[in-house]
Amino acid sequence: MYASQGAFAGQCFVSPVTNAAWRSKPTFGIIATEDKSILPEIQRKMYQRSNTTVTEVKASHLVYVSQPEAVANVIIDAAKKVSGK
C-alpha cells in the first residue's frame, strides 16, 4: 500500500492553500459504502460541501484494491466529462 500511495511530504500539512482547486474545477469522488475507516456518511457530507460528483461502490476502505475496474471507470468517466467527449 505504501508504494502505491507514496510518502507524504510534511510540508503539505503546514502550507496554506490560497486557492483550492475544487472551488473552480469539477471534482469527482468515490464512496466505499462498506468503509469502516472513514464512515460513508462523513464522506457524503464532505463531498456535498465541495459539490463533488460522487460514485458509490460497494467496497471497503481500499476500494482501488478490491474494485479496481470500478475505480478505473470513474476516472475514465470523469476524464470524458471534463474533456467534453
C-alpha atoms as a PDB file:
ATOM      1  CA  MET A   1       0.000   0.000   0.000  1.00  0.00           C
ATOM      2  CA  TYR A   2       2.819   2.389   0.837  1.00  0.00           C
ATOM      3  CA  ALA A   3       4.327   2.008  -2.639  1.00  0.00           C
ATOM      4  CA  SER A   4       1.061   2.894  -4.355  1.00  0.00           C
ATOM      5  CA  GLN A   5       0.353   5.941  -2.196  1.00  0.00           C
ATOM      6  CA  GLY A   6       3.867   7.293  -1.862  1.00  0.00           C
ATOM      7  CA  ALA A   7       5.397   9.189   1.020  1.00  0.00           C
ATOM      8  CA  PHE A   8       3.705  12.280   2.409  1.00  0.00           C
ATOM      9  CA  ALA A   9       5.717  15.463   2.406  1.00  0.00           C
ATOM     10  CA  GLY A  10       5.413  17.058   5.841  1.00  0.00           C
ATOM     11  CA  GLN A  11       5.296  20.491   4.214  1.00  0.00           C
ATOM     12  CA  CYS A  12       1.847  19.733   2.769  1.00  0.00           C
ATOM     13  CA  PHE A  13       0.370  19.883   6.269  1.00  0.00           C
ATOM     14  CA  VAL A  14       1.638  23.386   7.038  1.00  0.00           C
ATOM     15  CA  SER A  15       1.438  25.105   3.637  1.00  0.00           C
ATOM     16  CA  PRO A  16      -1.583  27.415   3.366  1.00  0.00           C
ATOM     17  CA  VAL A  17      -3.979  26.838   0.491  1.00  0.00           C
ATOM     18  CA  THR A  18      -4.867  30.137  -1.115  1.00  0.00           C
ATOM     19  CA  ASN A  19      -6.990  28.858  -3.996  1.00  0.00           C
ATOM     20  CA  ALA A  20      -8.472  25.390  -3.534  1.00  0.00           C
ATOM     21  CA  ALA A  21      -8.895  23.720  -6.932  1.00  0.00           C
ATOM     22  CA  TRP A  22     -12.278  22.232  -6.024  1.00  0.00           C
ATOM     23  CA  ARG A  23     -13.738  25.731  -5.866  1.00  0.00           C
ATOM     24  CA  SER A  24     -13.286  26.318  -9.604  1.00  0.00           C
ATOM     25  CA  LYS A  25     -12.762  22.890 -11.193  1.00  0.00           C
ATOM     26  CA  PRO A  26     -15.043  19.872 -11.419  1.00  0.00           C
ATOM     27  CA  THR A  27     -14.349  17.231  -8.787  1.00  0.00           C
ATOM     28  CA  PHE A  28     -15.137  13.540  -8.686  1.00  0.00           C
ATOM     29  CA  GLY A  29     -15.070  11.123  -5.771  1.00  0.00           C
ATOM     30  CA  ILE A  30     -15.796   7.555  -4.781  1.00  0.00           C
ATOM     31  CA  ILE A  31     -17.516   6.486  -1.599  1.00  0.00           C
ATOM     32  CA  ALA A  32     -16.746   2.952  -0.475  1.00  0.00           C
ATOM     33  CA  THR A  33     -20.082   2.059   1.099  1.00  0.00           C
ATOM     34  CA  GLU A  34     -18.560  -0.565   3.408  1.00  0.00           C
ATOM     35  CA  ASP A  35     -15.728   1.678   4.635  1.00  0.00           C
ATOM     36  CA  LYS A  36     -15.035   1.286   8.354  1.00  0.00           C
ATOM     37  CA  SER A  37     -12.114   3.772   8.449  1.00  0.00           C
ATOM     38  CA  ILE A  38     -13.927   6.837   7.110  1.00  0.00           C
ATOM     39  CA  LEU A  39     -17.676   6.465   7.545  1.00  0.00           C
ATOM     40  CA  PRO A  40     -19.606   6.858   4.269  1.00  0.00           C
ATOM     41  CA  GLU A  41     -21.938   9.396   5.937  1.00  0.00           C
ATOM     42  CA  ILE A  42     -18.962  11.648   6.664  1.00  0.00           C
ATOM     43  CA  GLN A  43     -17.673  11.258   3.120  1.00  0.00           C
ATOM     44  CA  ARG A  44     -21.079  12.172   1.689  1.00  0.00           C
ATOM     45  CA  LYS A  45     -21.179  15.372   3.737  1.00  0.00           C
ATOM     46  CA  MET A  46     -17.659  16.379   2.681  1.00  0.00           C
ATOM     47  CA  TYR A  47     -18.379  15.696  -0.983  1.00  0.00           C
ATOM     48  CA  GLN A  48     -21.671  17.572  -0.812  1.00  0.00           C
ATOM     49  CA  ARG A  49     -19.941  20.692   0.565  1.00  0.00           C
ATOM     50  CA  SER A  50     -17.435  20.650  -2.297  1.00  0.00           C
ATOM     51  CA  ASN A  51     -20.061  19.947  -4.990  1.00  0.00           C
ATOM     52  CA  THR A  52     -18.302  16.718  -5.944  1.00  0.00           C
ATOM     53  CA  THR A  53     -19.772  14.240  -8.417  1.00  0.00           C
ATOM     54  CA  VAL A  54     -19.949  11.043  -6.351  1.00  0.00           C
ATOM     55  CA  THR A  55     -19.976   7.390  -7.310  1.00  0.00           C
ATOM     56  CA  GLU A  56     -20.767   4.864  -4.605  1.00  0.00           C
ATOM     57  CA  VAL A  57     -19.104   1.460  -4.798  1.00  0.00           C
ATOM     58  CA  LYS A  58     -19.843  -1.484  -2.521  1.00  0.00           C
ATOM     59  CA  ALA A  59     -16.354  -1.957  -1.142  1.00  0.00           C
ATOM     60  CA  SER A  60     -14.208  -1.421   1.923  1.00  0.00           C
ATOM     61  CA  HIS A  61     -11.701   1.386   2.585  1.00  0.00           C
ATOM     62  CA  LEU A  62      -9.201   0.264  -0.075  1.00  0.00           C
ATOM     63  CA  VAL A  63     -11.667   0.426  -2.925  1.00  0.00           C
ATOM     64  CA  TYR A  64      -8.919   0.730  -5.535  1.00  0.00           C
ATOM     65  CA  VAL A  65      -7.589  -2.669  -4.440  1.00  0.00           C
ATOM     66  CA  SER A  66     -10.869  -4.576  -4.184  1.00  0.00           C
ATOM     67  CA  GLN A  67     -12.712  -2.849  -7.053  1.00  0.00           C
ATOM     68  CA  PRO A  68     -10.045  -1.592  -9.499  1.00  0.00           C
ATOM     69  CA  GLU A  69     -12.349  -1.738 -12.517  1.00  0.00           C
ATOM     70  CA  ALA A  70     -14.991   0.402 -10.795  1.00  0.00           C
ATOM     71  CA  VAL A  71     -12.334   2.965  -9.849  1.00  0.00           C
ATOM     72  CA  ALA A  72     -10.937   2.973 -13.392  1.00  0.00           C
ATOM     73  CA  ASN A  73     -14.436   3.551 -14.780  1.00  0.00           C
ATOM     74  CA  VAL A  74     -14.932   6.560 -12.507  1.00  0.00           C
ATOM     75  CA  ILE A  75     -11.625   8.016 -13.714  1.00  0.00           C
ATOM     76  CA  ILE A  76     -12.500   7.394 -17.363  1.00  0.00           C
ATOM     77  CA  ASP A  77     -15.972   8.935 -16.974  1.00  0.00           C
ATOM     78  CA  ALA A  78     -14.516  11.971 -15.186  1.00  0.00           C
ATOM     79  CA  ALA A  79     -11.941  12.463 -17.955  1.00  0.00           C
ATOM     80  CA  LYS A  80     -14.678  12.281 -20.587  1.00  0.00           C
ATOM     81  CA  LYS A  81     -16.856  14.800 -18.745  1.00  0.00           C
ATOM     82  CA  VAL A  82     -14.118  17.404 -18.320  1.00  0.00           C
ATOM     83  CA  SER A  83     -12.839  16.973 -21.881  1.00  0.00           C
ATOM     84  CA  GLY A  84     -16.313  17.260 -23.398  1.00  0.00           C
ATOM     85  CA  LYS A  85     -16.130  13.840 -25.070  1.00  0.00           C
END
